[in-house]
Amino acid sequence: MSRCLHHNTLGCIAMCPGRCCLHLYFGNVGLRLLPHELRQWRATVAELCSHHALATLDAEERCISLPGPVDSQVFLFSLEELFLLHDLLVSAALLLEVEDILARTVRR
């Protein structure tokens, strides 16, 4: 059974039982992310957040696109949803980093 790392009103992000990948659920979409893909998505979403943060967008209008895992797929987000996705990705990355640090400390 997957272990939830973080959740918010948009969805959740969980670690698979074998620790090989993450399951990201947001809205009606679910993705499996490998560790290096988490870093890539986090960087992409952070860039989009900072780019659109000061824009005069309606916070609930879905007008921000994020490339999907394949070229023919695009996800549409409102600014509010984009910030919630960013929260999921950053929180998961921080928790995984803390777990790695703790695991190294215990092994010493």
PDB file of N, CA and C in Angstrom:
ATOM      1  N   MET A   1       0.840  -1.179   0.000  1.00  0.00           N
ATOM      2  CA  MET A   1       0.000   0.000   0.000  1.00  0.00           C
ATOM      3  C   MET A   1       0.887   1.244   0.000  1.00  0.00           C
ATOM      4  N   SER A   2       0.547   2.209  -0.803  1.00  0.00           N
ATOM      5  CA  SER A   2       1.305   3.453  -0.887  1.00  0.00           C
ATOM      6  C   SER A   2       1.215   4.229   0.417  1.00  0.00           C
ATOM      7  N   ARG A   3       2.285   4.981   0.722  1.00  0.00           N
ATOM      8  CA  ARG A   3       2.328   5.797   1.930  1.00  0.00           C
ATOM      9  C   ARG A   3       2.201   7.266   1.527  1.00  0.00           C
ATOM     10  N   CYS A   4       1.147   7.909   1.997  1.00  0.00           N
ATOM     11  CA  CYS A   4       0.901   9.315   1.658  1.00  0.00           C
ATOM     12  C   CYS A   4       1.983  10.185   2.280  1.00  0.00           C
ATOM     13  N   LEU A   5       2.635  10.994   1.454  1.00  0.00           N
ATOM     14  CA  LEU A   5       3.649  11.924   1.939  1.00  0.00           C
ATOM     15  C   LEU A   5       3.045  13.282   2.281  1.00  0.00           C
ATOM     16  N   HIS A   6       2.077  13.689   1.459  1.00  0.00           N
ATOM     17  CA  HIS A   6       1.455  15.001   1.677  1.00  0.00           C
ATOM     18  C   HIS A   6       0.151  15.042   0.896  1.00  0.00           C
ATOM     19  N   HIS A   7      -0.809  15.786   1.427  1.00  0.00           N
ATOM     20  CA  HIS A   7      -2.068  15.981   0.706  1.00  0.00           C
ATOM     21  C   HIS A   7      -2.568  17.393   0.966  1.00  0.00           C
ATOM     22  N   ASN A   8      -3.379  17.873   0.043  1.00  0.00           N
ATOM     23  CA  ASN A   8      -4.039  19.166   0.193  1.00  0.00           C
ATOM     24  C   ASN A   8      -5.369  19.079  -0.555  1.00  0.00           C
ATOM     25  N   THR A   9      -6.021  20.201  -0.754  1.00  0.00           N
ATOM     26  CA  THR A   9      -7.343  20.180  -1.381  1.00  0.00           C
ATOM     27  C   THR A   9      -7.304  19.778  -2.859  1.00  0.00           C
ATOM     28  N   LEU A  10      -6.148  19.835  -3.498  1.00  0.00           N
ATOM     29  CA  LEU A  10      -6.029  19.436  -4.908  1.00  0.00           C
ATOM     30  C   LEU A  10      -5.819  17.936  -5.063  1.00  0.00           C
ATOM     31  N   GLY A  11      -5.081  17.313  -4.154  1.00  0.00           N
ATOM     32  CA  GLY A  11      -4.778  15.893  -4.292  1.00  0.00           C
ATOM     33  C   GLY A  11      -3.799  15.421  -3.250  1.00  0.00           C
ATOM     34  N   CYS A  12      -2.982  14.439  -3.637  1.00  0.00           N
ATOM     35  CA  CYS A  12      -1.981  13.916  -2.710  1.00  0.00           C
ATOM     36  C   CYS A  12      -0.803  13.360  -3.495  1.00  0.00           C
ATOM     37  N   ILE A  13       0.289  13.146  -2.764  1.00  0.00           N
ATOM     38  CA  ILE A  13       1.458  12.501  -3.343  1.00  0.00           C
ATOM     39  C   ILE A  13       1.881  11.417  -2.367  1.00  0.00           C
ATOM     40  N   ALA A  14       2.111  10.215  -2.916  1.00  0.00           N
ATOM     41  CA  ALA A  14       2.405   9.057  -2.082  1.00  0.00           C
ATOM     42  C   ALA A  14       3.612   8.315  -2.624  1.00  0.00           C
ATOM     43  N   MET A  15       4.319   7.627  -1.710  1.00  0.00           N
ATOM     44  CA  MET A  15       5.453   6.789  -2.080  1.00  0.00           C
ATOM     45  C   MET A  15       4.940   5.372  -2.268  1.00  0.00           C
ATOM     46  N   CYS A  16       5.347   4.726  -3.352  1.00  0.00           N
ATOM     47  CA  CYS A  16       4.916   3.346  -3.572  1.00  0.00           C
ATOM     48  C   CYS A  16       5.586   2.448  -2.534  1.00  0.00           C
ATOM     49  N   PRO A  17       5.027   1.279  -2.271  1.00  0.00           N
ATOM     50  CA  PRO A  17       5.580   0.396  -1.237  1.00  0.00           C
ATOM     51  C   PRO A  17       7.041   0.003  -1.481  1.00  0.00           C
ATOM     52  N   GLY A  18       7.437  -0.140  -2.724  1.00  0.00           N
ATOM     53  CA  GLY A  18       8.815  -0.511  -3.036  1.00  0.00           C
ATOM     54  C   GLY A  18       9.784   0.659  -3.071  1.00  0.00           C
ATOM     55  N   ARG A  19       9.299   1.868  -2.811  1.00  0.00           N
ATOM     56  CA  ARG A  19      10.093   3.104  -2.807  1.00  0.00           C
ATOM     57  C   ARG A  19      10.756   3.396  -4.160  1.00  0.00           C
ATOM     58  N   CYS A  20      10.210   2.832  -5.246  1.00  0.00           N
ATOM     59  CA  CYS A  20      10.820   3.075  -6.556  1.00  0.00           C
ATOM     60  C   CYS A  20      10.230   4.293  -7.251  1.00  0.00           C
ATOM     61  N   CYS A  21       9.017   4.701  -6.854  1.00  0.00           N
ATOM     62  CA  CYS A  21       8.381   5.816  -7.539  1.00  0.00           C
ATOM     63  C   CYS A  21       7.371   6.501  -6.615  1.00  0.00           C
ATOM     64  N   LEU A  22       6.888   7.624  -7.093  1.00  0.00           N
ATOM     65  CA  LEU A  22       5.865   8.382  -6.378  1.00  0.00           C
ATOM     66  C   LEU A  22       4.588   8.362  -7.194  1.00  0.00           C
ATOM     67  N   HIS A  23       3.473   8.407  -6.514  1.00  0.00           N
ATOM     68  CA  HIS A  23       2.176   8.501  -7.163  1.00  0.00           C
ATOM     69  C   HIS A  23       1.617   9.877  -6.846  1.00  0.00           C
ATOM     70  N   LEU A  24       1.445  10.677  -7.876  1.00  0.00           N
ATOM     71  CA  LEU A  24       0.931  12.034  -7.733  1.00  0.00           C
ATOM     72  C   LEU A  24      -0.492  12.052  -8.260  1.00  0.00           C
ATOM     73  N   TYR A  25      -1.427  12.391  -7.386  1.00  0.00           N
ATOM     74  CA  TYR A  25      -2.836  12.487  -7.758  1.00  0.00           C
ATOM     75  C   TYR A  25      -3.263  13.932  -7.593  1.00  0.00           C
ATOM     76  N   PHE A  26      -3.735  14.549  -8.668  1.00  0.00           N
ATOM     77  CA  PHE A  26      -4.227  15.924  -8.576  1.00  0.00           C
ATOM     78  C   PHE A  26      -5.436  16.054  -9.481  1.00  0.00           C
ATOM     79  N   GLY A  27      -6.522  16.539  -8.894  1.00  0.00           N
ATOM     80  CA  GLY A  27      -7.767  16.608  -9.645  1.00  0.00           C
ATOM     81  C   GLY A  27      -8.177  15.217 -10.085  1.00  0.00           C
ATOM     82  N   ASN A  28      -8.413  15.048 -11.371  1.00  0.00           N
ATOM     83  CA  ASN A  28      -8.807  13.757 -11.934  1.00  0.00           C
ATOM     84  C   ASN A  28      -7.638  13.004 -12.538  1.00  0.00           C
ATOM     85  N   VAL A  29      -6.418  13.441 -12.289  1.00  0.00           N
ATOM     86  CA  VAL A  29      -5.244  12.873 -12.946  1.00  0.00           C
ATOM     87  C   VAL A  29      -4.352  12.189 -11.913  1.00  0.00           C
ATOM     88  N   GLY A  30      -3.787  11.082 -12.303  1.00  0.00           N
ATOM     89  CA  GLY A  30      -2.794  10.398 -11.489  1.00  0.00           C
ATOM     90  C   GLY A  30      -1.559  10.128 -12.324  1.00  0.00           C
ATOM     91  N   LEU A  31      -0.402  10.396 -11.761  1.00  0.00           N
ATOM     92  CA  LEU A  31       0.865  10.169 -12.466  1.00  0.00           C
ATOM     93  C   LEU A  31       1.806   9.358 -11.591  1.00  0.00           C
ATOM     94  N   ARG A  32       2.615   8.560 -12.229  1.00  0.00           N
ATOM     95  CA  ARG A  32       3.704   7.875 -11.536  1.00  0.00           C
ATOM     96  C   ARG A  32       4.973   8.629 -11.873  1.00  0.00           C
ATOM     97  N   LEU A  33       5.680   9.070 -10.852  1.00  0.00           N
ATOM     98  CA  LEU A  33       6.902   9.840 -11.067  1.00  0.00           C
ATOM     99  C   LEU A  33       8.098   9.106 -10.485  1.00  0.00           C
ATOM    100  N   LEU A  34       9.165   9.050 -11.234  1.00  0.00           N
ATOM    101  CA  LEU A  34      10.434   8.552 -10.721  1.00  0.00           C
ATOM    102  C   LEU A  34      11.119   9.681  -9.965  1.00  0.00           C
ATOM    103  N   PRO A  35      12.068   9.388  -9.087  1.00  0.00           N
ATOM    104  CA  PRO A  35      12.699  10.457  -8.301  1.00  0.00           C
ATOM    105  C   PRO A  35      13.243  11.622  -9.131  1.00  0.00           C
ATOM    106  N   HIS A  36      13.904  11.336 -10.255  1.00  0.00           N
ATOM    107  CA  HIS A  36      14.431  12.442 -11.064  1.00  0.00           C
ATOM    108  C   HIS A  36      13.303  13.236 -11.730  1.00  0.00           C
ATOM    109  N   GLU A  37      12.166  12.584 -11.988  1.00  0.00           N
ATOM    110  CA  GLU A  37      11.031  13.299 -12.566  1.00  0.00           C
ATOM    111  C   GLU A  37      10.387  14.229 -11.553  1.00  0.00           C
ATOM    112  N   LEU A  38      10.422  13.862 -10.275  1.00  0.00           N
ATOM    113  CA  LEU A  38       9.913  14.752  -9.222  1.00  0.00           C
ATOM    114  C   LEU A  38      10.703  16.059  -9.236  1.00  0.00           C
ATOM    115  N   ARG A  39      12.018  15.962  -9.333  1.00  0.00           N
ATOM    116  CA  ARG A  39      12.856  17.177  -9.382  1.00  0.00           C
ATOM    117  C   ARG A  39      12.510  18.032 -10.600  1.00  0.00           C
ATOM    118  N   GLN A  40      12.330  17.374 -11.747  1.00  0.00           N
ATOM    119  CA  GLN A  40      12.013  18.109 -12.981  1.00  0.00           C
ATOM    120  C   GLN A  40      10.661  18.801 -12.861  1.00  0.00           C
ATOM    121  N   TRP A  41       9.641  18.080 -12.398  1.00  0.00           N
ATOM    122  CA  TRP A  41       8.307  18.668 -12.260  1.00  0.00           C
ATOM    123  C   TRP A  41       8.320  19.799 -11.251  1.00  0.00           C
ATOM    124  N   ARG A  42       9.034  19.595 -10.153  1.00  0.00           N
ATOM    125  CA  ARG A  42       9.099  20.635  -9.120  1.00  0.00           C
ATOM    126  C   ARG A  42       9.711  21.912  -9.695  1.00  0.00           C
ATOM    127  N   ALA A  43      10.777  21.772 -10.454  1.00  0.00           N
ATOM    128  CA  ALA A  43      11.430  22.939 -11.061  1.00  0.00           C
ATOM    129  C   ALA A  43      10.515  23.612 -12.082  1.00  0.00           C
ATOM    130  N   THR A  44       9.851  22.827 -12.901  1.00  0.00           N
ATOM    131  CA  THR A  44       8.945  23.382 -13.915  1.00  0.00           C
ATOM    132  C   THR A  44       7.782  24.119 -13.266  1.00  0.00           C
ATOM    133  N   VAL A  45       7.165  23.497 -12.265  1.00  0.00           N
ATOM    134  CA  VAL A  45       6.025  24.109 -11.595  1.00  0.00           C
ATOM    135  C   VAL A  45       6.465  25.354 -10.823  1.00  0.00           C
ATOM    136  N   ALA A  46       7.624  25.315 -10.184  1.00  0.00           N
ATOM    137  CA  ALA A  46       8.136  26.492  -9.467  1.00  0.00           C
ATOM    138  C   ALA A  46       8.346  27.657 -10.426  1.00  0.00           C
ATOM    139  N   GLU A  47       8.887  27.360 -11.598  1.00  0.00           N
ATOM    140  CA  GLU A  47       9.098  28.403 -12.607  1.00  0.00           C
ATOM    141  C   GLU A  47       7.772  29.002 -13.061  1.00  0.00           C
ATOM    142  N   LEU A  48       6.780  28.153 -13.312  1.00  0.00           N
ATOM    143  CA  LEU A  48       5.455  28.643 -13.708  1.00  0.00           C
ATOM    144  C   LEU A  48       4.822  29.477 -12.595  1.00  0.00           C
ATOM    145  N   CYS A  49       4.959  29.031 -11.363  1.00  0.00           N
ATOM    146  CA  CYS A  49       4.398  29.786 -10.227  1.00  0.00           C
ATOM    147  C   CYS A  49       5.021  31.173 -10.135  1.00  0.00           C
ATOM    148  N   SER A  50       6.345  31.234 -10.204  1.00  0.00           N
ATOM    149  CA  SER A  50       6.991  32.542 -10.085  1.00  0.00           C
ATOM    150  C   SER A  50       6.681  33.434 -11.284  1.00  0.00           C
ATOM    151  N   HIS A  51       6.536  32.841 -12.454  1.00  0.00           N
ATOM    152  CA  HIS A  51       6.217  33.617 -13.651  1.00  0.00           C
ATOM    153  C   HIS A  51       4.808  34.220 -13.579  1.00  0.00           C
ATOM    154  N   HIS A  52       3.850  33.441 -13.065  1.00  0.00           N
ATOM    155  CA  HIS A  52       2.458  33.881 -13.053  1.00  0.00           C
ATOM    156  C   HIS A  52       2.013  34.511 -11.737  1.00  0.00           C
ATOM    157  N   ALA A  53       2.851  34.468 -10.714  1.00  0.00           N
ATOM    158  CA  ALA A  53       2.449  34.932  -9.385  1.00  0.00           C
ATOM    159  C   ALA A  53       2.026  36.398  -9.378  1.00  0.00           C
ATOM    160  N   LEU A  54       2.699  37.214 -10.122  1.00  0.00           N
ATOM    161  CA  LEU A  54       2.391  38.643 -10.118  1.00  0.00           C
ATOM    162  C   LEU A  54       1.450  39.061 -11.241  1.00  0.00           C
ATOM    163  N   ALA A  55       1.041  38.109 -12.047  1.00  0.00           N
ATOM    164  CA  ALA A  55       0.136  38.424 -13.165  1.00  0.00           C
ATOM    165  C   ALA A  55      -1.257  38.751 -12.628  1.00  0.00           C
ATOM    166  N   THR A  56      -2.003  39.451 -13.420  1.00  0.00           N
ATOM    167  CA  THR A  56      -3.366  39.828 -13.018  1.00  0.00           C
ATOM    168  C   THR A  56      -4.359  38.786 -13.530  1.00  0.00           C
ATOM    169  N   LEU A  57      -4.099  37.529 -13.190  1.00  0.00           N
ATOM    170  CA  LEU A  57      -4.973  36.439 -13.607  1.00  0.00           C
ATOM    171  C   LEU A  57      -6.086  36.239 -12.591  1.00  0.00           C
ATOM    172  N   ASP A  58      -7.209  35.768 -13.074  1.00  0.00           N
ATOM    173  CA  ASP A  58      -8.244  35.287 -12.178  1.00  0.00           C
ATOM    174  C   ASP A  58      -7.687  34.007 -11.560  1.00  0.00           C
ATOM    175  N   ALA A  59      -7.613  33.941 -10.240  1.00  0.00           N
ATOM    176  CA  ALA A  59      -6.975  32.812  -9.553  1.00  0.00           C
ATOM    177  C   ALA A  59      -7.653  31.480  -9.835  1.00  0.00           C
ATOM    178  N   GLU A  60      -8.906  31.511 -10.319  1.00  0.00           N
ATOM    179  CA  GLU A  60      -9.632  30.262 -10.560  1.00  0.00           C
ATOM    180  C   GLU A  60      -9.796  29.923 -12.043  1.00  0.00           C
ATOM    181  N   GLU A  61      -9.320  30.773 -12.939  1.00  0.00           N
ATOM    182  CA  GLU A  61      -9.426  30.508 -14.377  1.00  0.00           C
ATOM    183  C   GLU A  61      -8.316  29.562 -14.816  1.00  0.00           C
ATOM    184  N   ARG A  62      -8.677  28.484 -15.483  1.00  0.00           N
ATOM    185  CA  ARG A  62      -7.686  27.510 -15.937  1.00  0.00           C
ATOM    186  C   ARG A  62      -7.042  28.000 -17.234  1.00  0.00           C
ATOM    187  N   CYS A  63      -5.979  28.764 -17.088  1.00  0.00           N
ATOM    188  CA  CYS A  63      -5.332  29.361 -18.257  1.00  0.00           C
ATOM    189  C   CYS A  63      -3.817  29.140 -18.258  1.00  0.00           C
ATOM    190  N   ILE A  64      -3.318  28.327 -17.345  1.00  0.00           N
ATOM    191  CA  ILE A  64      -1.879  28.053 -17.272  1.00  0.00           C
ATOM    192  C   ILE A  64      -1.670  26.600 -17.689  1.00  0.00           C
ATOM    193  N   SER A  65      -0.812  26.393 -18.682  1.00  0.00           N
ATOM    194  CA  SER A  65      -0.591  25.032 -19.169  1.00  0.00           C
ATOM    195  C   SER A  65       0.744  24.487 -18.675  1.00  0.00           C
ATOM    196  N   LEU A  66       0.722  23.215 -18.391  1.00  0.00           N
ATOM    197  CA  LEU A  66       1.903  22.494 -17.938  1.00  0.00           C
ATOM    198  C   LEU A  66       2.052  21.279 -18.840  1.00  0.00           C
ATOM    199  N   PRO A  67       3.208  21.114 -19.483  1.00  0.00           N
ATOM    200  CA  PRO A  67       3.388  19.959 -20.368  1.00  0.00           C
ATOM    201  C   PRO A  67       3.217  18.660 -19.587  1.00  0.00           C
ATOM    202  N   GLY A  68       2.571  17.692 -20.213  1.00  0.00           N
ATOM    203  CA  GLY A  68       2.400  16.380 -19.608  1.00  0.00           C
ATOM    204  C   GLY A  68       3.610  15.504 -19.878  1.00  0.00           C
ATOM    205  N   PRO A  69       3.527  14.246 -19.476  1.00  0.00           N
ATOM    206  CA  PRO A  69       4.659  13.338 -19.654  1.00  0.00           C
ATOM    207  C   PRO A  69       4.912  12.935 -21.105  1.00  0.00           C
ATOM    208  N   VAL A  70       3.941  13.156 -21.970  1.00  0.00           N
ATOM    209  CA  VAL A  70       4.137  12.896 -23.396  1.00  0.00           C
ATOM    210  C   VAL A  70       3.856  14.179 -24.169  1.00  0.00           C
ATOM    211  N   ASP A  71       4.437  14.299 -25.347  1.00  0.00           N
ATOM    212  CA  ASP A  71       4.335  15.542 -26.118  1.00  0.00           C
ATOM    213  C   ASP A  71       2.907  15.958 -26.439  1.00  0.00           C
ATOM    214  N   SER A  72       2.016  15.005 -26.593  1.00  0.00           N
ATOM    215  CA  SER A  72       0.653  15.330 -27.002  1.00  0.00           C
ATOM    216  C   SER A  72      -0.277  15.616 -25.821  1.00  0.00           C
ATOM    217  N   GLN A  73       0.277  15.788 -24.632  1.00  0.00           N
ATOM    218  CA  GLN A  73      -0.545  15.987 -23.443  1.00  0.00           C
ATOM    219  C   GLN A  73      -0.161  17.277 -22.738  1.00  0.00           C
ATOM    220  N   VAL A  74      -1.182  18.034 -22.345  1.00  0.00           N
ATOM    221  CA  VAL A  74      -0.976  19.280 -21.607  1.00  0.00           C
ATOM    222  C   VAL A  74      -1.997  19.325 -20.482  1.00  0.00           C
ATOM    223  N   PHE A  75      -1.566  19.756 -19.309  1.00  0.00           N
ATOM    224  CA  PHE A  75      -2.469  19.930 -18.178  1.00  0.00           C
ATOM    225  C   PHE A  75      -2.770  21.417 -18.029  1.00  0.00           C
ATOM    226  N   LEU A  76      -4.029  21.745 -17.778  1.00  0.00           N
ATOM    227  CA  LEU A  76      -4.431  23.132 -17.575  1.00  0.00           C
ATOM    228  C   LEU A  76      -4.727  23.367 -16.097  1.00  0.00           C
ATOM    229  N   PHE A  77      -4.219  24.472 -15.590  1.00  0.00           N
ATOM    230  CA  PHE A  77      -4.376  24.807 -14.180  1.00  0.00           C
ATOM    231  C   PHE A  77      -4.801  26.249 -14.022  1.00  0.00           C
ATOM    232  N   SER A  78      -5.494  26.482 -12.939  1.00  0.00           N
ATOM    233  CA  SER A  78      -5.688  27.862 -12.489  1.00  0.00           C
ATOM    234  C   SER A  78      -4.459  28.192 -11.648  1.00  0.00           C
ATOM    235  N   LEU A  79      -4.259  29.457 -11.344  1.00  0.00           N
ATOM    236  CA  LEU A  79      -3.126  29.857 -10.523  1.00  0.00           C
ATOM    237  C   LEU A  79      -3.214  29.194  -9.146  1.00  0.00           C
ATOM    238  N   GLU A  80      -4.413  29.127  -8.600  1.00  0.00           N
ATOM    239  CA  GLU A  80      -4.614  28.485  -7.297  1.00  0.00           C
ATOM    240  C   GLU A  80      -4.240  27.001  -7.357  1.00  0.00           C
ATOM    241  N   GLU A  81      -4.674  26.302  -8.399  1.00  0.00           N
ATOM    242  CA  GLU A  81      -4.345  24.887  -8.551  1.00  0.00           C
ATOM    243  C   GLU A  81      -2.842  24.680  -8.748  1.00  0.00           C
ATOM    244  N   LEU A  82      -2.214  25.584  -9.487  1.00  0.00           N
ATOM    245  CA  LEU A  82      -0.783  25.479  -9.715  1.00  0.00           C
ATOM    246  C   LEU A  82      -0.014  25.598  -8.401  1.00  0.00           C
ATOM    247  N   PHE A  83      -0.429  26.521  -7.536  1.00  0.00           N
ATOM    248  CA  PHE A  83       0.223  26.667  -6.231  1.00  0.00           C
ATOM    249  C   PHE A  83      -0.004  25.425  -5.365  1.00  0.00           C
ATOM    250  N   LEU A  84      -1.190  24.813  -5.465  1.00  0.00           N
ATOM    251  CA  LEU A  84      -1.453  23.595  -4.701  1.00  0.00           C
ATOM    252  C   LEU A  84      -0.612  22.429  -5.221  1.00  0.00           C
ATOM    253  N   LEU A  85      -0.424  22.336  -6.534  1.00  0.00           N
ATOM    254  CA  LEU A  85       0.444  21.316  -7.104  1.00  0.00           C
ATOM    255  C   LEU A  85       1.880  21.546  -6.637  1.00  0.00           C
ATOM    256  N   HIS A  86       2.307  22.787  -6.639  1.00  0.00           N
ATOM    257  CA  HIS A  86       3.651  23.125  -6.154  1.00  0.00           C
ATOM    258  C   HIS A  86       3.816  22.698  -4.701  1.00  0.00           C
ATOM    259  N   ASP A  87       2.798  22.925  -3.887  1.00  0.00           N
ATOM    260  CA  ASP A  87       2.821  22.508  -2.485  1.00  0.00           C
ATOM    261  C   ASP A  87       3.019  20.995  -2.376  1.00  0.00           C
ATOM    262  N   LEU A  88       2.304  20.219  -3.175  1.00  0.00           N
ATOM    263  CA  LEU A  88       2.453  18.769  -3.144  1.00  0.00           C
ATOM    264  C   LEU A  88       3.880  18.347  -3.493  1.00  0.00           C
ATOM    265  N   LEU A  89       4.414  18.913  -4.553  1.00  0.00           N
ATOM    266  CA  LEU A  89       5.748  18.521  -5.023  1.00  0.00           C
ATOM    267  C   LEU A  89       6.846  18.933  -4.054  1.00  0.00           C
ATOM    268  N   VAL A  90       6.771  20.145  -3.544  1.00  0.00           N
ATOM    269  CA  VAL A  90       7.800  20.629  -2.615  1.00  0.00           C
ATOM    270  C   VAL A  90       7.742  19.857  -1.302  1.00  0.00           C
ATOM    271  N   SER A  91       6.549  19.642  -0.784  1.00  0.00           N
ATOM    272  CA  SER A  91       6.409  18.926   0.485  1.00  0.00           C
ATOM    273  C   SER A  91       6.941  17.504   0.373  1.00  0.00           C
ATOM    274  N   ALA A  92       6.612  16.822  -0.715  1.00  0.00           N
ATOM    275  CA  ALA A  92       7.106  15.455  -0.909  1.00  0.00           C
ATOM    276  C   ALA A  92       8.628  15.441  -1.011  1.00  0.00           C
ATOM    277  N   ALA A  93       9.183  16.364  -1.764  1.00  0.00           N
ATOM    278  CA  ALA A  93      10.642  16.415  -1.927  1.00  0.00           C
ATOM    279  C   ALA A  93      11.325  16.667  -0.583  1.00  0.00           C
ATOM    280  N   LEU A  94      10.782  17.561   0.216  1.00  0.00           N
ATOM    281  CA  LEU A  94      11.373  17.845   1.522  1.00  0.00           C
ATOM    282  C   LEU A  94      11.295  16.637   2.450  1.00  0.00           C
ATOM    283  N   LEU A  95      10.152  15.969   2.466  1.00  0.00           N
ATOM    284  CA  LEU A  95      10.008  14.780   3.314  1.00  0.00           C
ATOM    285  C   LEU A  95      10.954  13.668   2.885  1.00  0.00           C
ATOM    286  N   LEU A  96      11.111  13.465   1.598  1.00  0.00           N
ATOM    287  CA  LEU A  96      12.032  12.440   1.112  1.00  0.00           C
ATOM    288  C   LEU A  96      13.475  12.785   1.455  1.00  0.00           C
ATOM    289  N   GLU A  97      13.812  14.066   1.377  1.00  0.00           N
ATOM    290  CA  GLU A  97      15.159  14.507   1.729  1.00  0.00           C
ATOM    291  C   GLU A  97      15.433  14.277   3.215  1.00  0.00           C
ATOM    292  N   VAL A  98      14.471  14.586   4.057  1.00  0.00           N
ATOM    293  CA  VAL A  98      14.617  14.365   5.500  1.00  0.00           C
ATOM    294  C   VAL A  98      14.764  12.870   5.785  1.00  0.00           C
ATOM    295  N   GLU A  99      13.960  12.041   5.134  1.00  0.00           N
ATOM    296  CA  GLU A  99      14.067  10.590   5.323  1.00  0.00           C
ATOM    297  C   GLU A  99      15.451  10.085   4.933  1.00  0.00           C
ATOM    298  N   ASP A 100      16.010  10.588   3.846  1.00  0.00           N
ATOM    299  CA  ASP A 100      17.352  10.178   3.421  1.00  0.00           C
ATOM    300  C   ASP A 100      18.401  10.591   4.451  1.00  0.00           C
ATOM    301  N   ILE A 101      18.285  11.803   4.969  1.00  0.00           N
ATOM    302  CA  ILE A 101      19.231  12.286   5.981  1.00  0.00           C
ATOM    303  C   ILE A 101      19.143  11.424   7.238  1.00  0.00           C
ATOM    304  N   LEU A 102      17.923  11.132   7.676  1.00  0.00           N
ATOM    305  CA  LEU A 102      17.740  10.297   8.863  1.00  0.00           C
ATOM    306  C   LEU A 102      18.268   8.885   8.643  1.00  0.00           C
ATOM    307  N   ALA A 103      18.048   8.332   7.468  1.00  0.00           N
ATOM    308  CA  ALA A 103      18.536   6.984   7.166  1.00  0.00           C
ATOM    309  C   ALA A 103      20.062   6.943   7.191  1.00  0.00           C
ATOM    310  N   ARG A 104      20.708   7.974   6.659  1.00  0.00           N
ATOM    311  CA  ARG A 104      22.183   8.032   6.690  1.00  0.00           C
ATOM    312  C   ARG A 104      22.678   8.173   8.115  1.00  0.00           C
ATOM    313  N   THR A 105      21.986   8.923   8.944  1.00  0.00           N
ATOM    314  CA  THR A 105      22.383   9.131  10.339  1.00  0.00           C
ATOM    315  C   THR A 105      22.265   7.832  11.118  1.00  0.00           C
ATOM    316  N   VAL A 106      21.218   7.073  10.887  1.00  0.00           N
ATOM    317  CA  VAL A 106      21.013   5.806  11.599  1.00  0.00           C
ATOM    318  C   VAL A 106      22.076   4.787  11.203  1.00  0.00           C
ATOM    319  N   ARG A 107      22.493   4.776   9.955  1.00  0.00           N
ATOM    320  CA  ARG A 107      23.486   3.815   9.479  1.00  0.00           C
ATOM    321  C   ARG A 107      24.866   4.064  10.071  1.00  0.00           C
ATOM    322  N   ARG A 108      25.141   5.246  10.551  1.00  0.00           N
ATOM    323  CA  ARG A 108      26.488   5.572  11.057  1.00  0.00           C
ATOM    324  C   ARG A 108      26.733   4.934  12.342  1.00  0.00           C
TER     325      ARG A 108
END
